[in-house]
PDB file of N, CA and C in Angstrom:
ATOM      1  N   MET A   1      89.214   4.622   0.920  1.00  0.00           N
ATOM      2  CA  MET A   1      88.066   4.278   1.724  1.00  0.00           C
ATOM      3  C   MET A   1      87.221   5.528   1.926  1.00  0.00           C
ATOM      4  N   SER A   2      85.909   5.396   1.778  1.00  0.00           N
ATOM      5  CA  SER A   2      85.047   6.554   1.902  1.00  0.00           C
ATOM      6  C   SER A   2      84.726   6.844   3.369  1.00  0.00           C
ATOM      7  N   ARG A   3      84.395   8.089   3.626  1.00  0.00           N
ATOM      8  CA  ARG A   3      84.018   8.471   4.981  1.00  0.00           C
ATOM      9  C   ARG A   3      82.609   7.947   5.265  1.00  0.00           C
ATOM     10  N   PRO A   4      82.269   7.672   6.524  1.00  0.00           N
ATOM     11  CA  PRO A   4      80.971   7.077   6.861  1.00  0.00           C
ATOM     12  C   PRO A   4      79.767   7.901   6.414  1.00  0.00           C
ATOM     13  N   GLU A   5      79.875   9.235   6.410  1.00  0.00           N
ATOM     14  CA  GLU A   5      78.726  10.050   6.050  1.00  0.00           C
ATOM     15  C   GLU A   5      78.501  10.154   4.535  1.00  0.00           C
ATOM     16  N   GLU A   6      79.453   9.711   3.751  1.00  0.00           N
ATOM     17  CA  GLU A   6      79.313   9.741   2.304  1.00  0.00           C
ATOM     18  C   GLU A   6      78.465   8.568   1.835  1.00  0.00           C
ATOM     19  N   LYS A   7      77.566   8.820   0.865  1.00  0.00           N
ATOM     20  CA  LYS A   7      76.777   7.741   0.284  1.00  0.00           C
ATOM     21  C   LYS A   7      77.547   7.135  -0.882  1.00  0.00           C
ATOM     22  N   LEU A   8      77.554   5.841  -0.931  1.00  0.00           N
ATOM     23  CA  LEU A   8      78.193   5.170  -2.049  1.00  0.00           C
ATOM     24  C   LEU A   8      77.287   5.293  -3.270  1.00  0.00           C
ATOM     25  N   PRO A   9      77.829   5.476  -4.471  1.00  0.00           N
ATOM     26  CA  PRO A   9      76.991   5.641  -5.664  1.00  0.00           C
ATOM     27  C   PRO A   9      76.029   4.479  -5.887  1.00  0.00           C
ATOM     28  N   LEU A  10      76.468   3.254  -5.677  1.00  0.00           N
ATOM     29  CA  LEU A  10      75.604   2.100  -5.883  1.00  0.00           C
ATOM     30  C   LEU A  10      74.472   2.088  -4.858  1.00  0.00           C
ATOM     31  N   ALA A  11      74.783   2.380  -3.613  1.00  0.00           N
ATOM     32  CA  ALA A  11      73.760   2.406  -2.562  1.00  0.00           C
ATOM     33  C   ALA A  11      72.737   3.496  -2.855  1.00  0.00           C
ATOM     34  N   SER A  12      73.184   4.632  -3.315  1.00  0.00           N
ATOM     35  CA  SER A  12      72.283   5.727  -3.649  1.00  0.00           C
ATOM     36  C   SER A  12      71.367   5.340  -4.804  1.00  0.00           C
ATOM     37  N   PHE A  13      71.933   4.683  -5.817  1.00  0.00           N
ATOM     38  CA  PHE A  13      71.149   4.239  -6.964  1.00  0.00           C
ATOM     39  C   PHE A  13      70.074   3.243  -6.545  1.00  0.00           C
ATOM     40  N   VAL A  14      70.455   2.277  -5.713  1.00  0.00           N
ATOM     41  CA  VAL A  14      69.512   1.258  -5.241  1.00  0.00           C
ATOM     42  C   VAL A  14      68.404   1.915  -4.430  1.00  0.00           C
ATOM     43  N   GLN A  15      68.767   2.849  -3.584  1.00  0.00           N
ATOM     44  CA  GLN A  15      67.773   3.546  -2.772  1.00  0.00           C
ATOM     45  C   GLN A  15      66.792   4.318  -3.663  1.00  0.00           C
ATOM     46  N   GLU A  16      67.280   5.011  -4.659  1.00  0.00           N
ATOM     47  CA  GLU A  16      66.411   5.763  -5.568  1.00  0.00           C
ATOM     48  C   GLU A  16      65.469   4.833  -6.330  1.00  0.00           C
ATOM     49  N   GLU A  17      65.983   3.693  -6.786  1.00  0.00           N
ATOM     50  CA  GLU A  17      65.153   2.720  -7.501  1.00  0.00           C
ATOM     51  C   GLU A  17      64.060   2.163  -6.585  1.00  0.00           C
ATOM     52  N   MET A  18      64.422   1.856  -5.360  1.00  0.00           N
ATOM     53  CA  MET A  18      63.440   1.317  -4.418  1.00  0.00           C
ATOM     54  C   MET A  18      62.354   2.340  -4.120  1.00  0.00           C
ATOM     55  N   ILE A  19      62.732   3.582  -3.929  1.00  0.00           N
ATOM     56  CA  ILE A  19      61.758   4.641  -3.647  1.00  0.00           C
ATOM     57  C   ILE A  19      60.832   4.831  -4.836  1.00  0.00           C
ATOM     58  N   GLU A  20      61.379   4.837  -6.035  1.00  0.00           N
ATOM     59  CA  GLU A  20      60.556   5.014  -7.235  1.00  0.00           C
ATOM     60  C   GLU A  20      59.567   3.861  -7.398  1.00  0.00           C
ATOM     61  N   ASN A  21      60.037   2.631  -7.247  1.00  0.00           N
ATOM     62  CA  ASN A  21      59.161   1.468  -7.384  1.00  0.00           C
ATOM     63  C   ASN A  21      58.121   1.420  -6.273  1.00  0.00           C
ATOM     64  N   LEU A  22      58.504   1.784  -5.078  1.00  0.00           N
ATOM     65  CA  LEU A  22      57.554   1.818  -3.975  1.00  0.00           C
ATOM     66  C   LEU A  22      56.468   2.865  -4.233  1.00  0.00           C
ATOM     67  N   SER A  23      56.860   4.016  -4.741  1.00  0.00           N
ATOM     68  CA  SER A  23      55.891   5.069  -5.047  1.00  0.00           C
ATOM     69  C   SER A  23      54.898   4.613  -6.114  1.00  0.00           C
ATOM     70  N   GLU A  24      55.394   3.944  -7.146  1.00  0.00           N
ATOM     71  CA  GLU A  24      54.511   3.441  -8.205  1.00  0.00           C
ATOM     72  C   GLU A  24      53.559   2.376  -7.661  1.00  0.00           C
ATOM     73  N   SER A  25      54.078   1.463  -6.854  1.00  0.00           N
ATOM     74  CA  SER A  25      53.250   0.403  -6.279  1.00  0.00           C
ATOM     75  C   SER A  25      52.184   0.982  -5.353  1.00  0.00           C
ATOM     76  N   LEU A  26      52.572   1.963  -4.556  1.00  0.00           N
ATOM     77  CA  LEU A  26      51.626   2.588  -3.644  1.00  0.00           C
ATOM     78  C   LEU A  26      50.534   3.330  -4.416  1.00  0.00           C
ATOM     79  N   ALA A  27      50.891   3.991  -5.493  1.00  0.00           N
ATOM     80  CA  ALA A  27      49.902   4.698  -6.310  1.00  0.00           C
ATOM     81  C   ALA A  27      48.896   3.710  -6.900  1.00  0.00           C
ATOM     82  N   GLN A  28      49.372   2.550  -7.349  1.00  0.00           N
ATOM     83  CA  GLN A  28      48.466   1.532  -7.880  1.00  0.00           C
ATOM     84  C   GLN A  28      47.564   0.980  -6.785  1.00  0.00           C
ATOM     85  N   LEU A  29      48.122   0.749  -5.610  1.00  0.00           N
ATOM     86  CA  LEU A  29      47.345   0.234  -4.488  1.00  0.00           C
ATOM     87  C   LEU A  29      46.275   1.229  -4.061  1.00  0.00           C
ATOM     88  N   LEU A  30      46.623   2.495  -3.988  1.00  0.00           N
ATOM     89  CA  LEU A  30      45.651   3.508  -3.580  1.00  0.00           C
ATOM     90  C   LEU A  30      44.443   3.535  -4.500  1.00  0.00           C
ATOM     91  N   GLY A  31      44.658   3.289  -5.772  1.00  0.00           N
ATOM     92  CA  GLY A  31      43.555   3.289  -6.724  1.00  0.00           C
ATOM     93  C   GLY A  31      42.560   2.165  -6.497  1.00  0.00           C
ATOM     94  N   THR A  32      42.987   1.102  -5.827  1.00  0.00           N
ATOM     95  CA  THR A  32      42.100  -0.035  -5.590  1.00  0.00           C
ATOM     96  C   THR A  32      41.362   0.058  -4.253  1.00  0.00           C
ATOM     97  N   LEU A  33      41.770   0.959  -3.390  1.00  0.00           N
ATOM     98  CA  LEU A  33      41.142   1.078  -2.076  1.00  0.00           C
ATOM     99  C   LEU A  33      39.832   1.861  -2.148  1.00  0.00           C
ATOM    100  N   PRO A  34      38.905   1.570  -1.245  1.00  0.00           N
ATOM    101  CA  PRO A  34      37.690   2.378  -1.164  1.00  0.00           C
ATOM    102  C   PRO A  34      38.054   3.804  -0.739  1.00  0.00           C
ATOM    103  N   PRO A  35      37.250   4.786  -1.090  1.00  0.00           N
ATOM    104  CA  PRO A  35      37.585   6.188  -0.779  1.00  0.00           C
ATOM    105  C   PRO A  35      37.880   6.451   0.701  1.00  0.00           C
ATOM    106  N   LEU A  36      37.141   5.852   1.605  1.00  0.00           N
ATOM    107  CA  LEU A  36      37.370   6.101   3.028  1.00  0.00           C
ATOM    108  C   LEU A  36      38.726   5.554   3.471  1.00  0.00           C
ATOM    109  N   ALA A  37      39.084   4.362   3.028  1.00  0.00           N
ATOM    110  CA  ALA A  37      40.387   3.787   3.372  1.00  0.00           C
ATOM    111  C   ALA A  37      41.513   4.631   2.784  1.00  0.00           C
ATOM    112  N   ARG A  38      41.315   5.120   1.570  1.00  0.00           N
ATOM    113  CA  ARG A  38      42.310   5.976   0.910  1.00  0.00           C
ATOM    114  C   ARG A  38      42.512   7.262   1.707  1.00  0.00           C
ATOM    115  N   LEU A  39      41.417   7.839   2.157  1.00  0.00           N
ATOM    116  CA  LEU A  39      41.487   9.076   2.930  1.00  0.00           C
ATOM    117  C   LEU A  39      42.221   8.848   4.247  1.00  0.00           C
ATOM    118  N   ARG A  40      41.931   7.739   4.910  1.00  0.00           N
ATOM    119  CA  ARG A  40      42.600   7.427   6.180  1.00  0.00           C
ATOM    120  C   ARG A  40      44.100   7.235   5.979  1.00  0.00           C
ATOM    121  N   LEU A  41      44.464   6.516   4.947  1.00  0.00           N
ATOM    122  CA  LEU A  41      45.879   6.268   4.670  1.00  0.00           C
ATOM    123  C   LEU A  41      46.598   7.569   4.325  1.00  0.00           C
ATOM    124  N   LEU A  42      45.998   8.398   3.515  1.00  0.00           N
ATOM    125  CA  LEU A  42      46.624   9.673   3.149  1.00  0.00           C
ATOM    126  C   LEU A  42      46.766  10.584   4.366  1.00  0.00           C
ATOM    127  N   ALA A  43      45.767  10.580   5.256  1.00  0.00           N
ATOM    128  CA  ALA A  43      45.861  11.387   6.476  1.00  0.00           C
ATOM    129  C   ALA A  43      47.007  10.903   7.347  1.00  0.00           C
ATOM    130  N   PHE A  44      47.160   9.580   7.474  1.00  0.00           N
ATOM    131  CA  PHE A  44      48.257   9.037   8.275  1.00  0.00           C
ATOM    132  C   PHE A  44      49.606   9.386   7.647  1.00  0.00           C
ATOM    133  N   MET A  45      49.700   9.292   6.322  1.00  0.00           N
ATOM    134  CA  MET A  45      50.941   9.636   5.637  1.00  0.00           C
ATOM    135  C   MET A  45      51.270  11.116   5.862  1.00  0.00           C
ATOM    136  N   HIS A  46      50.249  11.965   5.862  1.00  0.00           N
ATOM    137  CA  HIS A  46      50.456  13.394   6.111  1.00  0.00           C
ATOM    138  C   HIS A  46      50.981  13.604   7.530  1.00  0.00           C
ATOM    139  N   LEU A  47      50.434  12.839   8.490  1.00  0.00           N
ATOM    140  CA  LEU A  47      50.908  12.940   9.871  1.00  0.00           C
ATOM    141  C   LEU A  47      52.387  12.575   9.957  1.00  0.00           C
ATOM    142  N   VAL A  48      52.793  11.528   9.272  1.00  0.00           N
ATOM    143  CA  VAL A  48      54.186  11.084   9.300  1.00  0.00           C
ATOM    144  C   VAL A  48      55.096  12.121   8.639  1.00  0.00           C
ATOM    145  N   GLU A  49      54.652  12.703   7.517  1.00  0.00           N
ATOM    146  CA  GLU A  49      55.480  13.644   6.774  1.00  0.00           C
ATOM    147  C   GLU A  49      55.515  15.034   7.408  1.00  0.00           C
ATOM    148  N   ASN A  50      54.390  15.474   7.969  1.00  0.00           N
ATOM    149  CA  ASN A  50      54.284  16.832   8.528  1.00  0.00           C
ATOM    150  C   ASN A  50      53.632  16.795   9.907  1.00  0.00           C
ATOM    151  N   PRO A  51      54.293  16.228  10.896  1.00  0.00           N
ATOM    152  CA  PRO A  51      53.648  16.075  12.203  1.00  0.00           C
ATOM    153  C   PRO A  51      53.288  17.396  12.881  1.00  0.00           C
ATOM    154  N   ASP A  52      54.018  18.471  12.558  1.00  0.00           N
ATOM    155  CA  ASP A  52      53.737  19.750  13.204  1.00  0.00           C
ATOM    156  C   ASP A  52      52.458  20.407  12.696  1.00  0.00           C
ATOM    157  N   THR A  53      51.886  19.930  11.592  1.00  0.00           N
ATOM    158  CA  THR A  53      50.650  20.518  11.061  1.00  0.00           C
ATOM    159  C   THR A  53      49.419  19.713  11.455  1.00  0.00           C
ATOM    160  N   MET A  54      49.611  18.644  12.223  1.00  0.00           N
ATOM    161  CA  MET A  54      48.489  17.780  12.575  1.00  0.00           C
ATOM    162  C   MET A  54      48.395  17.575  14.071  1.00  0.00           C
ATOM    163  N   LYS A  55      47.171  17.305  14.495  1.00  0.00           N
ATOM    164  CA  LYS A  55      46.906  16.941  15.879  1.00  0.00           C
ATOM    165  C   LYS A  55      46.414  15.499  15.867  1.00  0.00           C
ATOM    166  N   ALA A  56      47.036  14.642  16.642  1.00  0.00           N
ATOM    167  CA  ALA A  56      46.650  13.238  16.706  1.00  0.00           C
ATOM    168  C   ALA A  56      46.155  12.920  18.111  1.00  0.00           C
ATOM    169  N   THR A  57      45.013  12.240  18.166  1.00  0.00           N
ATOM    170  CA  THR A  57      44.454  11.800  19.440  1.00  0.00           C
ATOM    171  C   THR A  57      44.240  10.300  19.366  1.00  0.00           C
ATOM    172  N   LEU A  58      44.805   9.574  20.310  1.00  0.00           N
ATOM    173  CA  LEU A  58      44.654   8.126  20.351  1.00  0.00           C
ATOM    174  C   LEU A  58      43.792   7.762  21.550  1.00  0.00           C
ATOM    175  N   GLU A  59      42.671   7.077  21.295  1.00  0.00           N
ATOM    176  CA  GLU A  59      41.785   6.623  22.364  1.00  0.00           C
ATOM    177  C   GLU A  59      41.831   5.097  22.395  1.00  0.00           C
ATOM    178  N   ILE A  60      41.988   4.546  23.599  1.00  0.00           N
ATOM    179  CA  ILE A  60      41.984   3.099  23.764  1.00  0.00           C
ATOM    180  C   ILE A  60      40.908   2.756  24.789  1.00  0.00           C
ATOM    181  N   GLU A  61      39.919   1.980  24.359  1.00  0.00           N
ATOM    182  CA  GLU A  61      38.828   1.583  25.240  1.00  0.00           C
ATOM    183  C   GLU A  61      39.224   0.338  26.022  1.00  0.00           C
ATOM    184  N   PRO A  62      38.595   0.099  27.169  1.00  0.00           N
ATOM    185  CA  PRO A  62      38.906  -1.102  27.953  1.00  0.00           C
ATOM    186  C   PRO A  62      38.741  -2.402  27.157  1.00  0.00           C
ATOM    187  N   SER A  63      37.848  -2.390  26.153  1.00  0.00           N
ATOM    188  CA  SER A  63      37.634  -3.590  25.345  1.00  0.00           C
ATOM    189  C   SER A  63      38.802  -3.857  24.390  1.00  0.00           C
ATOM    190  N   GLY A  64      39.713  -2.890  24.260  1.00  0.00           N
ATOM    191  CA  GLY A  64      40.849  -3.055  23.359  1.00  0.00           C
ATOM    192  C   GLY A  64      40.689  -2.314  22.043  1.00  0.00           C
ATOM    193  N   ILE A  65      39.522  -1.716  21.804  1.00  0.00           N
ATOM    194  CA  ILE A  65      39.299  -0.950  20.575  1.00  0.00           C
ATOM    195  C   ILE A  65      40.136   0.325  20.627  1.00  0.00           C
ATOM    196  N   MET A  66      40.852   0.569  19.547  1.00  0.00           N
ATOM    197  CA  MET A  66      41.672   1.778  19.458  1.00  0.00           C
ATOM    198  C   MET A  66      41.118   2.689  18.370  1.00  0.00           C
ATOM    199  N   ARG A  67      41.171   3.998  18.637  1.00  0.00           N
ATOM    200  CA  ARG A  67      40.704   4.980  17.656  1.00  0.00           C
ATOM    201  C   ARG A  67      41.747   6.085  17.568  1.00  0.00           C
ATOM    202  N   LEU A  68      42.285   6.280  16.379  1.00  0.00           N
ATOM    203  CA  LEU A  68      43.237   7.354  16.115  1.00  0.00           C
ATOM    204  C   LEU A  68      42.510   8.431  15.332  1.00  0.00           C
ATOM    205  N   THR A  69      42.422   9.615  15.914  1.00  0.00           N
ATOM    206  CA  THR A  69      41.757  10.729  15.257  1.00  0.00           C
ATOM    207  C   THR A  69      42.814  11.739  14.831  1.00  0.00           C
ATOM    208  N   LEU A  70      42.821  12.078  13.544  1.00  0.00           N
ATOM    209  CA  LEU A  70      43.773  13.049  13.007  1.00  0.00           C
ATOM    210  C   LEU A  70      43.018  14.299  12.596  1.00  0.00           C
ATOM    211  N   ASP A  71      43.561  15.446  12.940  1.00  0.00           N
ATOM    212  CA  ASP A  71      42.941  16.719  12.584  1.00  0.00           C
ATOM    213  C   ASP A  71      44.037  17.665  12.133  1.00  0.00           C
ATOM    214  N   THR A  72      43.716  18.518  11.186  1.00  0.00           N
ATOM    215  CA  THR A  72      44.701  19.467  10.671  1.00  0.00           C
ATOM    216  C   THR A  72      44.042  20.806  10.393  1.00  0.00           C
ATOM    217  N   ILE A  73      44.830  21.867  10.469  1.00  0.00           N
ATOM    218  CA  ILE A  73      44.329  23.186  10.106  1.00  0.00           C
ATOM    219  C   ILE A  73      44.696  23.519   8.669  1.00  0.00           C
ATOM    220  N   VAL A  74      45.484  22.654   8.051  1.00  0.00           N
ATOM    221  CA  VAL A  74      45.926  22.868   6.671  1.00  0.00           C
ATOM    222  C   VAL A  74      44.846  22.350   5.726  1.00  0.00           C
ATOM    223  N   ALA A  75      44.399  23.192   4.816  1.00  0.00           N
ATOM    224  CA  ALA A  75      43.397  22.777   3.839  1.00  0.00           C
ATOM    225  C   ALA A  75      44.066  21.923   2.763  1.00  0.00           C
ATOM    226  N   PRO A  76      43.439  20.800   2.377  1.00  0.00           N
ATOM    227  CA  PRO A  76      44.052  19.957   1.342  1.00  0.00           C
ATOM    228  C   PRO A  76      43.990  20.634  -0.026  1.00  0.00           C
ATOM    229  N   CYS A  77      44.970  20.325  -0.860  1.00  0.00           N
ATOM    230  CA  CYS A  77      44.927  20.849  -2.221  1.00  0.00           C
ATOM    231  C   CYS A  77      43.876  20.051  -3.003  1.00  0.00           C
ATOM    232  N   ARG A  78      43.462  20.554  -4.144  1.00  0.00           N
ATOM    233  CA  ARG A  78      42.398  19.926  -4.926  1.00  0.00           C
ATOM    234  C   ARG A  78      42.708  18.467  -5.289  1.00  0.00           C
ATOM    235  N   ALA A  79      43.960  18.141  -5.486  1.00  0.00           N
ATOM    236  CA  ALA A  79      44.337  16.775  -5.876  1.00  0.00           C
ATOM    237  C   ALA A  79      44.080  15.776  -4.751  1.00  0.00           C
ATOM    238  N   HIS A  80      44.042  16.240  -3.500  1.00  0.00           N
ATOM    239  CA  HIS A  80      43.879  15.333  -2.367  1.00  0.00           C
ATOM    240  C   HIS A  80      42.496  15.415  -1.721  1.00  0.00           C
ATOM    241  N   GLN A  81      41.563  16.072  -2.353  1.00  0.00           N
ATOM    242  CA  GLN A  81      40.208  16.130  -1.808  1.00  0.00           C
ATOM    243  C   GLN A  81      39.424  14.910  -2.231  1.00  0.00           C
ATOM    244  N   HIS A  82      38.689  14.303  -1.295  1.00  0.00           N
ATOM    245  CA  HIS A  82      37.916  13.109  -1.579  1.00  0.00           C
ATOM    246  C   HIS A  82      36.476  13.329  -1.187  1.00  0.00           C
TER     247      HIS A  82
END
């Protein structure tokens, strides 16, 4: 019997396959989005991956409108400039 912290080979394989397929699907989806939507999604993904490099401000108006503003001091690499 394996210890709880050990990953089973089959579970690891399935996880790797899911991550690879998800990455491919997301790349295809990003290509179909308008540039502004793509930029917003990439900024949010950056916040999730590197929260210490971003400042997030959430504003909620009485009408229920929400605005999430993301700001970073890290300059984007050329591949991520829009």
